[in-house]
PDB file of N, CA and C in Angstrom:
ATOM      1  N   PHE A   1     -13.349   0.739  -8.626  1.00  0.00           N
ATOM      2  CA  PHE A   1     -13.690   0.934  -7.243  1.00  0.00           C
ATOM      3  C   PHE A   1     -12.424   0.851  -6.400  1.00  0.00           C
ATOM      4  N   ILE A   2     -12.373   1.617  -5.326  1.00  0.00           N
ATOM      5  CA  ILE A   2     -11.215   1.618  -4.441  1.00  0.00           C
ATOM      6  C   ILE A   2     -11.686   1.383  -3.013  1.00  0.00           C
ATOM      7  N   ASP A   3     -10.911   0.589  -2.277  1.00  0.00           N
ATOM      8  CA  ASP A   3     -11.255   0.344  -0.884  1.00  0.00           C
ATOM      9  C   ASP A   3     -10.024  -0.141  -0.134  1.00  0.00           C
ATOM     10  N   GLY A   4     -10.036   0.060   1.158  1.00  0.00           N
ATOM     11  CA  GLY A   4      -8.995  -0.450   2.032  1.00  0.00           C
ATOM     12  C   GLY A   4      -9.518  -1.670   2.755  1.00  0.00           C
ATOM     13  N   THR A   5      -8.621  -2.586   3.084  1.00  0.00           N
ATOM     14  CA  THR A   5      -9.015  -3.768   3.828  1.00  0.00           C
ATOM     15  C   THR A   5      -8.043  -3.990   4.975  1.00  0.00           C
ATOM     16  N   VAL A   6      -8.572  -4.451   6.085  1.00  0.00           N
ATOM     17  CA  VAL A   6      -7.791  -4.717   7.292  1.00  0.00           C
ATOM     18  C   VAL A   6      -7.698  -6.225   7.462  1.00  0.00           C
ATOM     19  N   ARG A   7      -6.475  -6.725   7.585  1.00  0.00           N
ATOM     20  CA  ARG A   7      -6.244  -8.149   7.784  1.00  0.00           C
ATOM     21  C   ARG A   7      -5.588  -8.362   9.137  1.00  0.00           C
ATOM     22  N   ALA A   8      -6.274  -9.079  10.000  1.00  0.00           N
ATOM     23  CA  ALA A   8      -5.783  -9.320  11.360  1.00  0.00           C
ATOM     24  C   ALA A   8      -4.501 -10.135  11.346  1.00  0.00           C
ATOM     25  N   ILE A   9      -3.621  -9.834  12.298  1.00  0.00           N
ATOM     26  CA  ILE A   9      -2.377 -10.572  12.490  1.00  0.00           C
ATOM     27  C   ILE A   9      -2.267 -10.937  13.973  1.00  0.00           C
ATOM     28  N   CYS A  10      -1.341 -11.787  14.296  1.00  0.00           N
ATOM     29  CA  CYS A  10      -1.061 -12.103  15.694  1.00  0.00           C
ATOM     30  C   CYS A  10      -0.496 -10.868  16.381  1.00  0.00           C
ATOM     31  N   ARG A  11      -0.772 -10.737  17.652  1.00  0.00           N
ATOM     32  CA  ARG A  11      -0.254  -9.597  18.410  1.00  0.00           C
ATOM     33  C   ARG A  11       1.268  -9.655  18.440  1.00  0.00           C
ATOM     34  N   PRO A  12       1.927  -8.590  17.959  1.00  0.00           N
ATOM     35  CA  PRO A  12       3.391  -8.603  17.979  1.00  0.00           C
ATOM     36  C   PRO A  12       3.935  -8.445  19.400  1.00  0.00           C
ATOM     37  N   THR A  13       5.134  -8.935  19.604  1.00  0.00           N
ATOM     38  CA  THR A  13       5.776  -8.836  20.911  1.00  0.00           C
ATOM     39  C   THR A  13       6.199  -7.410  21.213  1.00  0.00           C
ATOM     40  N   HIS A  14       6.691  -6.704  20.198  1.00  0.00           N
ATOM     41  CA  HIS A  14       7.184  -5.334  20.368  1.00  0.00           C
ATOM     42  C   HIS A  14       6.386  -4.391  19.470  1.00  0.00           C
ATOM     43  N   ASN A  15       6.253  -3.143  19.905  1.00  0.00           N
ATOM     44  CA  ASN A  15       5.597  -2.084  19.118  1.00  0.00           C
ATOM     45  C   ASN A  15       4.170  -2.437  18.690  1.00  0.00           C
ATOM     46  N   GLN A  16       3.395  -2.970  19.618  1.00  0.00           N
ATOM     47  CA  GLN A  16       2.024  -3.365  19.317  1.00  0.00           C
ATOM     48  C   GLN A  16       1.179  -2.196  18.831  1.00  0.00           C
ATOM     49  N   HIS A  17       1.434  -1.009  19.376  1.00  0.00           N
ATOM     50  CA  HIS A  17       0.624   0.160  19.037  1.00  0.00           C
ATOM     51  C   HIS A  17       0.727   0.536  17.556  1.00  0.00           C
ATOM     52  N   VAL A  18       1.808   0.147  16.907  1.00  0.00           N
ATOM     53  CA  VAL A  18       2.003   0.504  15.496  1.00  0.00           C
ATOM     54  C   VAL A  18       0.976  -0.177  14.603  1.00  0.00           C
ATOM     55  N   VAL A  19       0.617  -1.405  14.916  1.00  0.00           N
ATOM     56  CA  VAL A  19      -0.290  -2.160  14.050  1.00  0.00           C
ATOM     57  C   VAL A  19      -1.690  -2.328  14.640  1.00  0.00           C
ATOM     58  N   TYR A  20      -1.953  -1.728  15.795  1.00  0.00           N
ATOM     59  CA  TYR A  20      -3.276  -1.895  16.399  1.00  0.00           C
ATOM     60  C   TYR A  20      -4.296  -1.009  15.696  1.00  0.00           C
ATOM     61  N   ASN A  21      -5.395  -1.608  15.268  1.00  0.00           N
ATOM     62  CA  ASN A  21      -6.479  -0.889  14.620  1.00  0.00           C
ATOM     63  C   ASN A  21      -7.607  -0.736  15.629  1.00  0.00           C
ATOM     64  N   GLY A  22      -7.779   0.464  16.151  1.00  0.00           N
ATOM     65  CA  GLY A  22      -8.794   0.711  17.168  1.00  0.00           C
ATOM     66  C   GLY A  22     -10.210   0.548  16.669  1.00  0.00           C
ATOM     67  N   HIS A  23     -10.442   0.814  15.400  1.00  0.00           N
ATOM     68  CA  HIS A  23     -11.787   0.682  14.836  1.00  0.00           C
ATOM     69  C   HIS A  23     -12.225  -0.786  14.820  1.00  0.00           C
ATOM     70  N   LYS A  24     -11.339  -1.666  14.364  1.00  0.00           N
ATOM     71  CA  LYS A  24     -11.653  -3.102  14.314  1.00  0.00           C
ATOM     72  C   LYS A  24     -11.260  -3.827  15.595  1.00  0.00           C
ATOM     73  N   ARG A  25     -10.470  -3.162  16.464  1.00  0.00           N
ATOM     74  CA  ARG A  25     -10.004  -3.718  17.725  1.00  0.00           C
ATOM     75  C   ARG A  25      -9.176  -4.988  17.547  1.00  0.00           C
ATOM     76  N   VAL A  26      -8.271  -4.936  16.571  1.00  0.00           N
ATOM     77  CA  VAL A  26      -7.348  -6.043  16.318  1.00  0.00           C
ATOM     78  C   VAL A  26      -5.991  -5.473  15.925  1.00  0.00           C
ATOM     79  N   HIS A  27      -4.965  -6.284  16.070  1.00  0.00           N
ATOM     80  CA  HIS A  27      -3.664  -5.961  15.498  1.00  0.00           C
ATOM     81  C   HIS A  27      -3.758  -6.397  14.042  1.00  0.00           C
ATOM     82  N   ALA A  28      -3.330  -5.528  13.130  1.00  0.00           N
ATOM     83  CA  ALA A  28      -3.603  -5.818  11.729  1.00  0.00           C
ATOM     84  C   ALA A  28      -2.637  -5.126  10.787  1.00  0.00           C
ATOM     85  N   LEU A  29      -2.659  -5.591   9.551  1.00  0.00           N
ATOM     86  CA  LEU A  29      -2.026  -4.928   8.433  1.00  0.00           C
ATOM     87  C   LEU A  29      -3.137  -4.464   7.512  1.00  0.00           C
ATOM     88  N   LYS A  30      -2.889  -3.377   6.801  1.00  0.00           N
ATOM     89  CA  LYS A  30      -3.912  -2.804   5.933  1.00  0.00           C
ATOM     90  C   LYS A  30      -3.406  -2.788   4.502  1.00  0.00           C
ATOM     91  N   TYR A  31      -4.317  -3.018   3.577  1.00  0.00           N
ATOM     92  CA  TYR A  31      -4.037  -2.993   2.145  1.00  0.00           C
ATOM     93  C   TYR A  31      -5.060  -2.098   1.468  1.00  0.00           C
ATOM     94  N   GLN A  32      -4.668  -1.532   0.334  1.00  0.00           N
ATOM     95  CA  GLN A  32      -5.597  -0.738  -0.482  1.00  0.00           C
ATOM     96  C   GLN A  32      -5.690  -1.407  -1.845  1.00  0.00           C
ATOM     97  N   ALA A  33      -6.909  -1.612  -2.317  1.00  0.00           N
ATOM     98  CA  ALA A  33      -7.104  -2.282  -3.600  1.00  0.00           C
ATOM     99  C   ALA A  33      -7.996  -1.449  -4.509  1.00  0.00           C
ATOM    100  N   VAL A  34      -7.671  -1.484  -5.790  1.00  0.00           N
ATOM    101  CA  VAL A  34      -8.549  -0.955  -6.830  1.00  0.00           C
ATOM    102  C   VAL A  34      -9.028  -2.171  -7.601  1.00  0.00           C
ATOM    103  N   ALA A  35     -10.342  -2.323  -7.695  1.00  0.00           N
ATOM    104  CA  ALA A  35     -10.911  -3.490  -8.364  1.00  0.00           C
ATOM    105  C   ALA A  35     -11.916  -3.060  -9.416  1.00  0.00           C
ATOM    106  N   THR A  36     -12.009  -3.852 -10.458  1.00  0.00           N
ATOM    107  CA  THR A  36     -12.989  -3.621 -11.516  1.00  0.00           C
ATOM    108  C   THR A  36     -14.332  -4.199 -11.071  1.00  0.00           C
ATOM    109  N   PRO A  37     -15.431  -3.819 -11.739  1.00  0.00           N
ATOM    110  CA  PRO A  37     -16.746  -4.341 -11.323  1.00  0.00           C
ATOM    111  C   PRO A  37     -16.873  -5.863 -11.363  1.00  0.00           C
ATOM    112  N   ASP A  38     -16.031  -6.536 -12.159  1.00  0.00           N
ATOM    113  CA  ASP A  38     -16.089  -7.996 -12.190  1.00  0.00           C
ATOM    114  C   ASP A  38     -15.172  -8.641 -11.160  1.00  0.00           C
ATOM    115  N   GLY A  39     -14.562  -7.820 -10.265  1.00  0.00           N
ATOM    116  CA  GLY A  39     -13.802  -8.338  -9.151  1.00  0.00           C
ATOM    117  C   GLY A  39     -12.306  -8.487  -9.369  1.00  0.00           C
ATOM    118  N   LEU A  40     -11.790  -8.112 -10.527  1.00  0.00           N
ATOM    119  CA  LEU A  40     -10.354  -8.208 -10.759  1.00  0.00           C
ATOM    120  C   LEU A  40      -9.633  -7.071 -10.039  1.00  0.00           C
ATOM    121  N   ILE A  41      -8.566  -7.412  -9.339  1.00  0.00           N
ATOM    122  CA  ILE A  41      -7.776  -6.395  -8.649  1.00  0.00           C
ATOM    123  C   ILE A  41      -6.772  -5.835  -9.645  1.00  0.00           C
ATOM    124  N   THR A  42      -6.862  -4.525  -9.905  1.00  0.00           N
ATOM    125  CA  THR A  42      -5.983  -3.891 -10.890  1.00  0.00           C
ATOM    126  C   THR A  42      -4.855  -3.104 -10.237  1.00  0.00           C
ATOM    127  N   HIS A  43      -4.958  -2.847  -8.957  1.00  0.00           N
ATOM    128  CA  HIS A  43      -3.903  -2.144  -8.221  1.00  0.00           C
ATOM    129  C   HIS A  43      -3.989  -2.593  -6.769  1.00  0.00           C
ATOM    130  N   LEU A  44      -2.847  -2.936  -6.188  1.00  0.00           N
ATOM    131  CA  LEU A  44      -2.815  -3.348  -4.788  1.00  0.00           C
ATOM    132  C   LEU A  44      -1.636  -2.668  -4.119  1.00  0.00           C
ATOM    133  N   TYR A  45      -1.891  -2.038  -2.978  1.00  0.00           N
ATOM    134  CA  TYR A  45      -0.831  -1.376  -2.225  1.00  0.00           C
ATOM    135  C   TYR A  45      -0.861  -1.872  -0.790  1.00  0.00           C
ATOM    136  N   GLY A  46       0.305  -2.163  -0.258  1.00  0.00           N
ATOM    137  CA  GLY A  46       0.421  -2.573   1.121  1.00  0.00           C
ATOM    138  C   GLY A  46       1.416  -3.690   1.242  1.00  0.00           C
ATOM    139  N   PRO A  47       1.628  -4.165   2.430  1.00  0.00           N
ATOM    140  CA  PRO A  47       0.898  -3.813   3.646  1.00  0.00           C
ATOM    141  C   PRO A  47       1.433  -2.539   4.287  1.00  0.00           C
ATOM    142  N   VAL A  48       0.543  -1.903   5.031  1.00  0.00           N
ATOM    143  CA  VAL A  48       0.906  -0.769   5.878  1.00  0.00           C
ATOM    144  C   VAL A  48       0.374  -1.064   7.277  1.00  0.00           C
ATOM    145  N   ALA A  49       0.796  -0.280   8.232  1.00  0.00           N
ATOM    146  CA  ALA A  49       0.348  -0.472   9.613  1.00  0.00           C
ATOM    147  C   ALA A  49      -1.176  -0.408   9.687  1.00  0.00           C
ATOM    148  N   GLY A  50      -1.746  -1.302  10.474  1.00  0.00           N
ATOM    149  CA  GLY A  50      -3.196  -1.409  10.576  1.00  0.00           C
ATOM    150  C   GLY A  50      -3.894  -0.185  11.120  1.00  0.00           C
ATOM    151  N   ARG A  51      -3.171   0.706  11.773  1.00  0.00           N
ATOM    152  CA  ARG A  51      -3.793   1.899  12.345  1.00  0.00           C
ATOM    153  C   ARG A  51      -4.006   3.009  11.324  1.00  0.00           C
ATOM    154  N   ARG A  52      -3.446   2.899  10.124  1.00  0.00           N
ATOM    155  CA  ARG A  52      -3.541   3.955   9.121  1.00  0.00           C
ATOM    156  C   ARG A  52      -4.958   4.074   8.573  1.00  0.00           C
ATOM    157  N   HIS A  53      -5.404   5.307   8.349  1.00  0.00           N
ATOM    158  CA  HIS A  53      -6.711   5.581   7.756  1.00  0.00           C
ATOM    159  C   HIS A  53      -6.623   5.388   6.248  1.00  0.00           C
ATOM    160  N   ASP A  54      -7.745   5.025   5.617  1.00  0.00           N
ATOM    161  CA  ASP A  54      -7.760   4.799   4.171  1.00  0.00           C
ATOM    162  C   ASP A  54      -7.223   5.993   3.384  1.00  0.00           C
ATOM    163  N   SER A  55      -7.593   7.205   3.781  1.00  0.00           N
ATOM    164  CA  SER A  55      -7.125   8.379   3.036  1.00  0.00           C
ATOM    165  C   SER A  55      -5.621   8.566   3.193  1.00  0.00           C
ATOM    166  N   GLY A  56      -5.060   8.196   4.341  1.00  0.00           N
ATOM    167  CA  GLY A  56      -3.616   8.259   4.535  1.00  0.00           C
ATOM    168  C   GLY A  56      -2.886   7.241   3.678  1.00  0.00           C
ATOM    169  N   VAL A  57      -3.457   6.041   3.572  1.00  0.00           N
ATOM    170  CA  VAL A  57      -2.865   5.001   2.730  1.00  0.00           C
ATOM    171  C   VAL A  57      -2.913   5.444   1.269  1.00  0.00           C
ATOM    172  N   LEU A  58      -3.999   6.088   0.872  1.00  0.00           N
ATOM    173  CA  LEU A  58      -4.119   6.598  -0.494  1.00  0.00           C
ATOM    174  C   LEU A  58      -2.989   7.570  -0.808  1.00  0.00           C
ATOM    175  N   GLY A  59      -2.733   8.518   0.078  1.00  0.00           N
ATOM    176  CA  GLY A  59      -1.666   9.479  -0.145  1.00  0.00           C
ATOM    177  C   GLY A  59      -0.299   8.820  -0.206  1.00  0.00           C
ATOM    178  N   GLU A  60      -0.071   7.852   0.665  1.00  0.00           N
ATOM    179  CA  GLU A  60       1.210   7.146   0.710  1.00  0.00           C
ATOM    180  C   GLU A  60       1.438   6.276  -0.524  1.00  0.00           C
ATOM    181  N   SER A  61       0.366   5.750  -1.104  1.00  0.00           N
ATOM    182  CA  SER A  61       0.481   4.794  -2.201  1.00  0.00           C
ATOM    183  C   SER A  61       0.952   5.415  -3.511  1.00  0.00           C
ATOM    184  N   GLY A  62       0.770   6.713  -3.678  1.00  0.00           N
ATOM    185  CA  GLY A  62       1.118   7.356  -4.945  1.00  0.00           C
ATOM    186  C   GLY A  62       0.081   7.123  -6.024  1.00  0.00           C
ATOM    187  N   LEU A  63      -1.059   6.537  -5.666  1.00  0.00           N
ATOM    188  CA  LEU A  63      -2.091   6.229  -6.644  1.00  0.00           C
ATOM    189  C   LEU A  63      -2.659   7.495  -7.291  1.00  0.00           C
ATOM    190  N   LEU A  64      -2.807   8.562  -6.525  1.00  0.00           N
ATOM    191  CA  LEU A  64      -3.352   9.794  -7.113  1.00  0.00           C
ATOM    192  C   LEU A  64      -2.470  10.310  -8.241  1.00  0.00           C
ATOM    193  N   ASP A  65      -1.160  10.209  -8.096  1.00  0.00           N
ATOM    194  CA  ASP A  65      -0.247  10.618  -9.169  1.00  0.00           C
ATOM    195  C   ASP A  65      -0.429   9.739 -10.399  1.00  0.00           C
ATOM    196  N   GLN A  66      -0.611   8.443 -10.178  1.00  0.00           N
ATOM    197  CA  GLN A  66      -0.824   7.525 -11.298  1.00  0.00           C
ATOM    198  C   GLN A  66      -2.149   7.814 -12.001  1.00  0.00           C
ATOM    199  N   LEU A  67      -3.181   8.132 -11.215  1.00  0.00           N
ATOM    200  CA  LEU A  67      -4.469   8.467 -11.814  1.00  0.00           C
ATOM    201  C   LEU A  67      -4.368   9.724 -12.656  1.00  0.00           C
ATOM    202  N   THR A  68      -3.659  10.721 -12.143  1.00  0.00           N
ATOM    203  CA  THR A  68      -3.483  11.976 -12.873  1.00  0.00           C
ATOM    204  C   THR A  68      -2.797  11.726 -14.215  1.00  0.00           C
ATOM    205  N   GLU A  69      -1.843  10.813 -14.212  1.00  0.00           N
ATOM    206  CA  GLU A  69      -1.078  10.541 -15.434  1.00  0.00           C
ATOM    207  C   GLU A  69      -1.818   9.648 -16.422  1.00  0.00           C
ATOM    208  N   HIS A  70      -2.591   8.659 -15.919  1.00  0.00           N
ATOM    209  CA  HIS A  70      -3.125   7.626 -16.804  1.00  0.00           C
ATOM    210  C   HIS A  70      -4.652   7.564 -16.926  1.00  0.00           C
ATOM    211  N   MET A  71      -5.388   8.305 -16.131  1.00  0.00           N
ATOM    212  CA  MET A  71      -6.855   8.139 -16.121  1.00  0.00           C
ATOM    213  C   MET A  71      -7.596   9.260 -16.830  1.00  0.00           C
ATOM    214  N   ASN A  72      -7.087   9.688 -17.968  1.00  0.00           N
ATOM    215  CA  ASN A  72      -7.770  10.707 -18.747  1.00  0.00           C
ATOM    216  C   ASN A  72      -8.245  10.100 -20.053  1.00  0.00           C
ATOM    217  N   GLY A  73      -9.504  10.362 -20.364  1.00  0.00           N
ATOM    218  CA  GLY A  73     -10.078   9.848 -21.588  1.00  0.00           C
ATOM    219  C   GLY A  73      -9.887  10.818 -22.739  1.00  0.00           C
ATOM    220  N   PRO A  74     -10.643  10.614 -23.797  1.00  0.00           N
ATOM    221  CA  PRO A  74     -10.556  11.505 -24.958  1.00  0.00           C
ATOM    222  C   PRO A  74     -10.840  12.957 -24.565  1.00  0.00           C
ATOM    223  N   GLY A  75     -10.039  13.845 -25.079  1.00  0.00           N
ATOM    224  CA  GLY A  75     -10.226  15.263 -24.781  1.00  0.00           C
ATOM    225  C   GLY A  75      -9.773  15.649 -23.385  1.00  0.00           C
ATOM    226  N   GLY A  76      -9.078  14.754 -22.677  1.00  0.00           N
ATOM    227  CA  GLY A  76      -8.584  15.070 -21.342  1.00  0.00           C
ATOM    228  C   GLY A  76      -9.607  14.954 -20.236  1.00  0.00           C
ATOM    229  N   VAL A  77     -10.782  14.404 -20.536  1.00  0.00           N
ATOM    230  CA  VAL A  77     -11.819  14.233 -19.518  1.00  0.00           C
ATOM    231  C   VAL A  77     -11.390  13.095 -18.584  1.00  0.00           C
ATOM    232  N   PRO A  78     -11.317  13.345 -17.271  1.00  0.00           N
ATOM    233  CA  PRO A  78     -10.815  12.308 -16.364  1.00  0.00           C
ATOM    234  C   PRO A  78     -11.837  11.199 -16.112  1.00  0.00           C
ATOM    235  N   TYR A  79     -11.333   9.977 -16.067  1.00  0.00           N
ATOM    236  CA  TYR A  79     -12.118   8.854 -15.565  1.00  0.00           C
ATOM    237  C   TYR A  79     -11.982   8.874 -14.050  1.00  0.00           C
ATOM    238  N   ALA A  80     -12.950   8.323 -13.339  1.00  0.00           N
ATOM    239  CA  ALA A  80     -12.917   8.385 -11.882  1.00  0.00           C
ATOM    240  C   ALA A  80     -13.122   7.008 -11.265  1.00  0.00           C
ATOM    241  N   LEU A  81     -12.488   6.809 -10.122  1.00  0.00           N
ATOM    242  CA  LEU A  81     -12.729   5.636  -9.289  1.00  0.00           C
ATOM    243  C   LEU A  81     -13.819   5.997  -8.289  1.00  0.00           C
ATOM    244  N   TYR A  82     -14.550   5.005  -7.837  1.00  0.00           N
ATOM    245  CA  TYR A  82     -15.588   5.215  -6.843  1.00  0.00           C
ATOM    246  C   TYR A  82     -15.148   4.553  -5.549  1.00  0.00           C
ATOM    247  N   GLY A  83     -15.228   5.286  -4.446  1.00  0.00           N
ATOM    248  CA  GLY A  83     -14.823   4.757  -3.156  1.00  0.00           C
ATOM    249  C   GLY A  83     -15.841   5.030  -2.080  1.00  0.00           C
ATOM    250  N   ASP A  84     -15.570   4.517  -0.893  1.00  0.00           N
ATOM    251  CA  ASP A  84     -16.463   4.758   0.234  1.00  0.00           C
ATOM    252  C   ASP A  84     -16.188   6.145   0.830  1.00  0.00           C
ATOM    253  N   PRO A  85     -16.970   6.560   1.820  1.00  0.00           N
ATOM    254  CA  PRO A  85     -16.825   7.921   2.373  1.00  0.00           C
ATOM    255  C   PRO A  85     -15.464   8.214   3.007  1.00  0.00           C
ATOM    256  N   ALA A  86     -14.619   7.213   3.233  1.00  0.00           N
ATOM    257  CA  ALA A  86     -13.310   7.449   3.833  1.00  0.00           C
ATOM    258  C   ALA A  86     -12.364   8.180   2.883  1.00  0.00           C
ATOM    259  N   TYR A  87     -12.660   8.147   1.593  1.00  0.00           N
ATOM    260  CA  TYR A  87     -11.771   8.745   0.603  1.00  0.00           C
ATOM    261  C   TYR A  87     -12.197  10.175   0.281  1.00  0.00           C
ATOM    262  N   PRO A  88     -11.215  11.021  -0.076  1.00  0.00           N
ATOM    263  CA  PRO A  88     -11.557  12.396  -0.456  1.00  0.00           C
ATOM    264  C   PRO A  88     -12.188  12.418  -1.851  1.00  0.00           C
ATOM    265  N   ARG A  89     -12.994  13.411  -2.113  1.00  0.00           N
ATOM    266  CA  ARG A  89     -13.609  13.561  -3.432  1.00  0.00           C
ATOM    267  C   ARG A  89     -12.752  14.522  -4.253  1.00  0.00           C
ATOM    268  N   ASN A  90     -12.403  14.114  -5.469  1.00  0.00           N
ATOM    269  CA  ASN A  90     -11.761  15.002  -6.434  1.00  0.00           C
ATOM    270  C   ASN A  90     -12.132  14.509  -7.827  1.00  0.00           C
ATOM    271  N   CYS A  91     -11.499  15.027  -8.862  1.00  0.00           N
ATOM    272  CA  CYS A  91     -11.917  14.649 -10.213  1.00  0.00           C
ATOM    273  C   CYS A  91     -11.599  13.186 -10.539  1.00  0.00           C
ATOM    274  N   TYR A  92     -10.704  12.540  -9.797  1.00  0.00           N
ATOM    275  CA  TYR A  92     -10.368  11.138 -10.045  1.00  0.00           C
ATOM    276  C   TYR A  92     -10.977  10.177  -9.025  1.00  0.00           C
ATOM    277  N   LEU A  93     -11.543  10.700  -7.953  1.00  0.00           N
ATOM    278  CA  LEU A  93     -12.175   9.881  -6.920  1.00  0.00           C
ATOM    279  C   LEU A  93     -13.567  10.425  -6.631  1.00  0.00           C
ATOM    280  N   GLN A  94     -14.536   9.562  -6.720  1.00  0.00           N
ATOM    281  CA  GLN A  94     -15.911   9.940  -6.418  1.00  0.00           C
ATOM    282  C   GLN A  94     -16.423   9.084  -5.270  1.00  0.00           C
ATOM    283  N   LYS A  95     -17.414   9.599  -4.566  1.00  0.00           N
ATOM    284  CA  LYS A  95     -18.055   8.841  -3.496  1.00  0.00           C
ATOM    285  C   LYS A  95     -19.515   9.241  -3.434  1.00  0.00           C
ATOM    286  N   GLY A  96     -20.270   8.538  -2.634  1.00  0.00           N
ATOM    287  CA  GLY A  96     -21.702   8.804  -2.544  1.00  0.00           C
ATOM    288  C   GLY A  96     -22.010  10.174  -1.960  1.00  0.00           C
ATOM    289  N   TYR A  97     -23.218  10.610  -2.215  1.00  0.00           N
ATOM    290  CA  TYR A  97     -23.679  11.883  -1.659  1.00  0.00           C
ATOM    291  C   TYR A  97     -23.944  11.717  -0.170  1.00  0.00           C
ATOM    292  N   GLY A  98     -23.618  12.741   0.598  1.00  0.00           N
ATOM    293  CA  GLY A  98     -23.831  12.701   2.038  1.00  0.00           C
ATOM    294  C   GLY A  98     -24.864  13.730   2.466  1.00  0.00           C
ATOM    295  N   GLY A  99     -25.259  13.650   3.704  1.00  0.00           N
ATOM    296  CA  GLY A  99     -26.208  14.608   4.250  1.00  0.00           C
ATOM    297  C   GLY A  99     -27.589  13.998   4.421  1.00  0.00           C
ATOM    298  N   ALA A 100     -28.425  14.730   5.136  1.00  0.00           N
ATOM    299  CA  ALA A 100     -29.765  14.233   5.453  1.00  0.00           C
ATOM    300  C   ALA A 100     -30.786  14.558   4.370  1.00  0.00           C
ATOM    301  N   ALA A 101     -30.581  15.632   3.623  1.00  0.00           N
ATOM    302  CA  ALA A 101     -31.573  16.086   2.647  1.00  0.00           C
ATOM    303  C   ALA A 101     -31.106  15.764   1.231  1.00  0.00           C
ATOM    304  N   LEU A 102     -31.143  14.492   0.866  1.00  0.00           N
ATOM    305  CA  LEU A 102     -30.742  14.094  -0.478  1.00  0.00           C
ATOM    306  C   LEU A 102     -31.938  14.111  -1.421  1.00  0.00           C
ATOM    307  N   THR A 103     -31.700  14.496  -2.653  1.00  0.00           N
ATOM    308  CA  THR A 103     -32.759  14.451  -3.663  1.00  0.00           C
ATOM    309  C   THR A 103     -33.011  12.998  -4.040  1.00  0.00           C
ATOM    310  N   PRO A 104     -34.146  12.693  -4.651  1.00  0.00           N
ATOM    311  CA  PRO A 104     -34.384  11.316  -5.103  1.00  0.00           C
ATOM    312  C   PRO A 104     -33.303  10.821  -6.069  1.00  0.00           C
ATOM    313  N   ALA A 105     -32.795  11.694  -6.930  1.00  0.00           N
ATOM    314  CA  ALA A 105     -31.747  11.296  -7.871  1.00  0.00           C
ATOM    315  C   ALA A 105     -30.458  10.944  -7.122  1.00  0.00           C
ATOM    316  N   GLN A 106     -30.115  11.699  -6.082  1.00  0.00           N
ATOM    317  CA  GLN A 106     -28.920  11.413  -5.295  1.00  0.00           C
ATOM    318  C   GLN A 106     -29.089  10.101  -4.523  1.00  0.00           C
ATOM    319  N   GLN A 107     -30.279   9.870  -3.977  1.00  0.00           N
ATOM    320  CA  GLN A 107     -30.534   8.614  -3.274  1.00  0.00           C
ATOM    321  C   GLN A 107     -30.428   7.421  -4.227  1.00  0.00           C
ATOM    322  N   LEU A 108     -30.944   7.558  -5.438  1.00  0.00           N
ATOM    323  CA  LEU A 108     -30.876   6.498  -6.434  1.00  0.00           C
ATOM    324  C   LEU A 108     -29.417   6.226  -6.819  1.00  0.00           C
ATOM    325  N   PHE A 109     -28.643   7.296  -7.028  1.00  0.00           N
ATOM    326  CA  PHE A 109     -27.222   7.155  -7.341  1.00  0.00           C
ATOM    327  C   PHE A 109     -26.508   6.387  -6.238  1.00  0.00           C
ATOM    328  N   ASN A 110     -26.706   6.800  -4.980  1.00  0.00           N
ATOM    329  CA  ASN A 110     -26.068   6.126  -3.846  1.00  0.00           C
ATOM    330  C   ASN A 110     -26.450   4.655  -3.784  1.00  0.00           C
ATOM    331  N   SER A 111     -27.713   4.372  -3.994  1.00  0.00           N
ATOM    332  CA  SER A 111     -28.198   2.998  -3.923  1.00  0.00           C
ATOM    333  C   SER A 111     -27.564   2.133  -5.008  1.00  0.00           C
ATOM    334  N   ARG A 112     -27.527   2.630  -6.227  1.00  0.00           N
ATOM    335  CA  ARG A 112     -26.970   1.849  -7.338  1.00  0.00           C
ATOM    336  C   ARG A 112     -25.465   1.663  -7.202  1.00  0.00           C
ATOM    337  N   MET A 113     -24.772   2.700  -6.766  1.00  0.00           N
ATOM    338  CA  MET A 113     -23.322   2.577  -6.625  1.00  0.00           C
ATOM    339  C   MET A 113     -22.969   1.667  -5.452  1.00  0.00           C
ATOM    340  N   SER A 114     -23.747   1.687  -4.398  1.00  0.00           N
ATOM    341  CA  SER A 114     -23.492   0.784  -3.266  1.00  0.00           C
ATOM    342  C   SER A 114     -23.651  -0.662  -3.703  1.00  0.00           C
ATOM    343  N   ALA A 115     -24.632  -0.932  -4.511  1.00  0.00           N
ATOM    344  CA  ALA A 115     -24.840  -2.292  -5.001  1.00  0.00           C
ATOM    345  C   ALA A 115     -23.685  -2.727  -5.900  1.00  0.00           C
ATOM    346  N   ALA A 116     -23.210  -1.841  -6.746  1.00  0.00           N
ATOM    347  CA  ALA A 116     -22.107  -2.177  -7.655  1.00  0.00           C
ATOM    348  C   ALA A 116     -20.775  -2.291  -6.903  1.00  0.00           C
ATOM    349  N   ARG A 117     -20.634  -1.586  -5.799  1.00  0.00           N
ATOM    350  CA  ARG A 117     -19.384  -1.558  -5.052  1.00  0.00           C
ATOM    351  C   ARG A 117     -19.100  -2.874  -4.313  1.00  0.00           C
ATOM    352  N   ILE A 118     -20.056  -3.737  -4.262  1.00  0.00           N
ATOM    353  CA  ILE A 118     -19.879  -5.036  -3.609  1.00  0.00           C
ATOM    354  C   ILE A 118     -18.689  -5.781  -4.224  1.00  0.00           C
ATOM    355  N   ALA A 119     -18.429  -5.583  -5.524  1.00  0.00           N
ATOM    356  CA  ALA A 119     -17.320  -6.278  -6.195  1.00  0.00           C
ATOM    357  C   ALA A 119     -15.993  -6.031  -5.497  1.00  0.00           C
ATOM    358  N   VAL A 120     -15.732  -4.791  -5.117  1.00  0.00           N
ATOM    359  CA  VAL A 120     -14.466  -4.484  -4.468  1.00  0.00           C
ATOM    360  C   VAL A 120     -14.462  -4.957  -3.010  1.00  0.00           C
ATOM    361  N   GLU A 121     -15.602  -5.014  -2.380  1.00  0.00           N
ATOM    362  CA  GLU A 121     -15.667  -5.517  -1.013  1.00  0.00           C
ATOM    363  C   GLU A 121     -15.279  -6.994  -0.956  1.00  0.00           C
ATOM    364  N   TRP A 122     -15.599  -7.735  -2.000  1.00  0.00           N
ATOM    365  CA  TRP A 122     -15.319  -9.168  -2.020  1.00  0.00           C
ATOM    366  C   TRP A 122     -14.036  -9.511  -2.776  1.00  0.00           C
ATOM    367  N   ALA A 123     -13.401  -8.523  -3.398  1.00  0.00           N
ATOM    368  CA  ALA A 123     -12.175  -8.799  -4.194  1.00  0.00           C
ATOM    369  C   ALA A 123     -11.012  -9.134  -3.280  1.00  0.00           C
TER     370      ALA A 123
END
C-alpha cells in the first residue's frame, strides 16, 4: 500500500508559503510511505514541502522507476501497490474504482481494499 502523510510543523519565519498545506490548513512537511498489510514500512520518502500533492511526491521520489525494475513476478507479470485516489493508475499502482455506477463486484473490491488499506494509514 502507498500513501502520503502530512506532519504539521511550527510556522516558519521565512517562506511560509513553501510549506503551507491548504488542504489541511497547517504548515507541514509531507512524507510518502509504502507499507505492507502488517504495517511494516518498506519505503519512506521525504520530507518534502507540505504543499506538494501525493502524485507529485511520487514522481519526485523515483519510486516508479524502482517498481519498474524490481516489482515483476514470474514471467514478467507486474506486482502492484494499492493507493488512494490521489495516485495515478498504471500497471504498478492500483486504486479503487470511481464513478457513480459501480457494479456489485467493483463495490465489493473497493470495500475490501479500503478495509485492508488501514494498515498504511496507521503505519
